[in-house]
Amino acid sequence: MATGTKNAKSQKLQARAPHDVIEEMEALKEPGESTAQFIVTSLQGEIKRRQRQKKQETPKG
């Protein structure tokens, strides 16, 4: 039975990416690493980077 785009553990996303970005991703994926694993790892890294950046921008006082 097919499931929807969201379940208890994950959510399906769709996005278009430029060909050159896809080619770079394919060239840099680790052996045995799926595209989904690469994208999730990349998203996690970008989220952490932006959280750190936002924290640094918050004035202390």
N, C-alpha and C. Protein backbone atom coordinates (compact mmCIF):
# COMPACT_ATOMS: atom_id res chain seq x y z
N MET A 1 0.84 -1.17 0.00
CA MET A 1 0.00 0.00 0.00
C MET A 1 0.89 1.25 0.00
N ALA A 2 0.57 2.17 -0.85
CA ALA A 2 1.34 3.41 -0.94
C ALA A 2 1.02 4.31 0.24
N THR A 3 2.03 5.03 0.69
CA THR A 3 1.82 5.99 1.77
C THR A 3 1.83 7.39 1.21
N GLY A 4 1.40 8.34 2.01
CA GLY A 4 1.40 9.74 1.57
C GLY A 4 2.80 10.32 1.61
N THR A 5 2.88 11.63 1.56
CA THR A 5 4.17 12.30 1.55
C THR A 5 4.74 12.45 2.95
N LYS A 6 3.98 12.09 3.98
CA LYS A 6 4.43 12.25 5.35
C LYS A 6 4.06 11.01 6.15
N ASN A 7 5.01 10.52 6.96
CA ASN A 7 4.71 9.42 7.86
C ASN A 7 5.30 9.73 9.23
N ALA A 8 5.37 8.76 10.11
CA ALA A 8 5.82 9.00 11.48
C ALA A 8 7.30 9.40 11.56
N LYS A 9 8.10 9.02 10.57
CA LYS A 9 9.55 9.24 10.66
C LYS A 9 10.10 10.24 9.66
N SER A 10 9.39 10.50 8.58
CA SER A 10 9.98 11.37 7.56
C SER A 10 8.91 12.04 6.72
N GLN A 11 9.37 12.96 5.91
CA GLN A 11 8.50 13.68 4.99
C GLN A 11 9.18 13.74 3.63
N LYS A 12 8.43 13.49 2.59
CA LYS A 12 8.97 13.50 1.24
C LYS A 12 8.98 14.94 0.73
N LEU A 13 10.09 15.36 0.14
CA LEU A 13 10.23 16.69 -0.44
C LEU A 13 10.55 16.57 -1.91
N GLN A 14 10.19 17.58 -2.66
CA GLN A 14 10.59 17.64 -4.06
C GLN A 14 11.21 18.99 -4.33
N ALA A 15 12.29 18.99 -5.07
CA ALA A 15 12.95 20.24 -5.42
C ALA A 15 13.70 20.05 -6.73
N ARG A 16 13.84 21.12 -7.45
CA ARG A 16 14.65 21.11 -8.67
C ARG A 16 16.00 21.73 -8.33
N ALA A 17 17.04 21.17 -8.90
CA ALA A 17 18.39 21.69 -8.66
C ALA A 17 19.09 21.83 -10.01
N PRO A 18 19.95 22.83 -10.13
CA PRO A 18 20.69 23.00 -11.38
C PRO A 18 21.55 21.78 -11.70
N HIS A 19 21.73 21.53 -12.97
CA HIS A 19 22.51 20.36 -13.41
C HIS A 19 23.91 20.36 -12.82
N ASP A 20 24.55 21.52 -12.75
CA ASP A 20 25.93 21.55 -12.25
C ASP A 20 25.99 21.17 -10.76
N VAL A 21 24.97 21.53 -10.00
CA VAL A 21 24.93 21.16 -8.58
C VAL A 21 24.76 19.65 -8.44
N ILE A 22 23.90 19.07 -9.24
CA ILE A 22 23.68 17.61 -9.22
C ILE A 22 24.96 16.88 -9.61
N GLU A 23 25.64 17.37 -10.62
CA GLU A 23 26.89 16.74 -11.06
C GLU A 23 27.94 16.78 -9.95
N GLU A 24 28.05 17.93 -9.26
CA GLU A 24 29.00 18.06 -8.14
C GLU A 24 28.63 17.09 -7.02
N MET A 25 27.33 16.99 -6.71
CA MET A 25 26.88 16.08 -5.66
C MET A 25 27.26 14.64 -6.01
N GLU A 26 26.98 14.24 -7.23
CA GLU A 26 27.29 12.87 -7.65
C GLU A 26 28.79 12.60 -7.57
N ALA A 27 29.59 13.61 -7.89
CA ALA A 27 31.04 13.44 -7.85
C ALA A 27 31.57 13.33 -6.41
N LEU A 28 30.85 13.92 -5.46
CA LEU A 28 31.34 13.98 -4.09
C LEU A 28 30.71 12.97 -3.14
N LYS A 29 29.66 12.29 -3.57
CA LYS A 29 29.03 11.30 -2.70
C LYS A 29 30.03 10.20 -2.35
N GLU A 30 29.97 9.75 -1.11
CA GLU A 30 30.82 8.65 -0.66
C GLU A 30 30.35 7.35 -1.31
N PRO A 31 31.24 6.37 -1.46
CA PRO A 31 30.82 5.08 -2.00
C PRO A 31 29.71 4.48 -1.13
N GLY A 32 28.63 4.07 -1.77
CA GLY A 32 27.51 3.47 -1.06
C GLY A 32 26.53 4.48 -0.47
N GLU A 33 26.85 5.76 -0.54
CA GLU A 33 25.97 6.80 0.01
C GLU A 33 24.85 7.09 -0.99
N SER A 34 23.63 7.11 -0.51
CA SER A 34 22.51 7.41 -1.39
C SER A 34 22.36 8.92 -1.55
N THR A 35 21.62 9.30 -2.56
CA THR A 35 21.34 10.72 -2.77
C THR A 35 20.58 11.27 -1.57
N ALA A 36 19.64 10.51 -1.04
CA ALA A 36 18.87 10.95 0.12
C ALA A 36 19.79 11.18 1.32
N GLN A 37 20.73 10.27 1.56
CA GLN A 37 21.66 10.43 2.67
C GLN A 37 22.50 11.69 2.49
N PHE A 38 22.97 11.93 1.28
CA PHE A 38 23.78 13.11 1.00
C PHE A 38 22.97 14.38 1.27
N ILE A 39 21.74 14.41 0.79
CA ILE A 39 20.89 15.60 0.95
C ILE A 39 20.56 15.84 2.41
N VAL A 40 20.20 14.79 3.15
CA VAL A 40 19.87 14.95 4.57
C VAL A 40 21.08 15.45 5.35
N THR A 41 22.24 14.88 5.09
CA THR A 41 23.47 15.33 5.76
C THR A 41 23.76 16.80 5.42
N SER A 42 23.58 17.16 4.17
CA SER A 42 23.80 18.54 3.76
C SER A 42 22.82 19.48 4.44
N LEU A 43 21.57 19.10 4.52
CA LEU A 43 20.56 19.93 5.19
C LEU A 43 20.89 20.09 6.66
N GLN A 44 21.28 19.01 7.32
CA GLN A 44 21.64 19.09 8.74
C GLN A 44 22.80 20.04 8.95
N GLY A 45 23.80 19.98 8.09
CA GLY A 45 24.96 20.87 8.20
C GLY A 45 24.57 22.32 7.99
N GLU A 46 23.72 22.58 7.02
CA GLU A 46 23.29 23.96 6.75
C GLU A 46 22.43 24.50 7.88
N ILE A 47 21.57 23.67 8.45
CA ILE A 47 20.75 24.10 9.58
C ILE A 47 21.64 24.50 10.76
N LYS A 48 22.62 23.67 11.07
CA LYS A 48 23.54 23.98 12.17
C LYS A 48 24.32 25.26 11.89
N ARG A 49 24.77 25.44 10.66
CA ARG A 49 25.53 26.63 10.29
C ARG A 49 24.68 27.88 10.48
N ARG A 50 23.45 27.83 10.04
CA ARG A 50 22.57 28.99 10.17
C ARG A 50 22.18 29.26 11.62
N GLN A 51 22.02 28.21 12.41
CA GLN A 51 21.72 28.40 13.83
C GLN A 51 22.88 29.09 14.53
N ARG A 52 24.12 28.66 14.23
CA ARG A 52 25.30 29.30 14.81
C ARG A 52 25.40 30.76 14.37
N GLN A 53 25.13 31.00 13.10
CA GLN A 53 25.19 32.35 12.56
C GLN A 53 24.15 33.24 13.23
N LYS A 54 22.94 32.72 13.39
CA LYS A 54 21.87 33.49 14.02
C LYS A 54 22.21 33.79 15.47
N LYS A 55 22.80 32.81 16.16
CA LYS A 55 23.18 32.99 17.55
C LYS A 55 24.24 34.08 17.69
N GLN A 56 25.18 34.13 16.76
CA GLN A 56 26.23 35.15 16.78
C GLN A 56 25.67 36.54 16.50
N GLU A 57 24.62 36.62 15.69
CA GLU A 57 24.02 37.91 15.35
C GLU A 57 23.16 38.48 16.47
N THR A 58 22.71 37.61 17.39
CA THR A 58 21.87 38.06 18.48
C THR A 58 22.71 38.89 19.44
N PRO A 59 22.30 40.14 19.68
CA PRO A 59 23.09 40.99 20.57
C PRO A 59 23.04 40.48 22.01
N LYS A 60 24.20 40.51 22.66
CA LYS A 60 24.27 40.09 24.05
C LYS A 60 24.03 41.32 24.92
N GLY A 61 23.25 41.15 25.96
CA GLY A 61 23.07 42.30 26.81
C GLY A 61 21.90 42.17 27.62
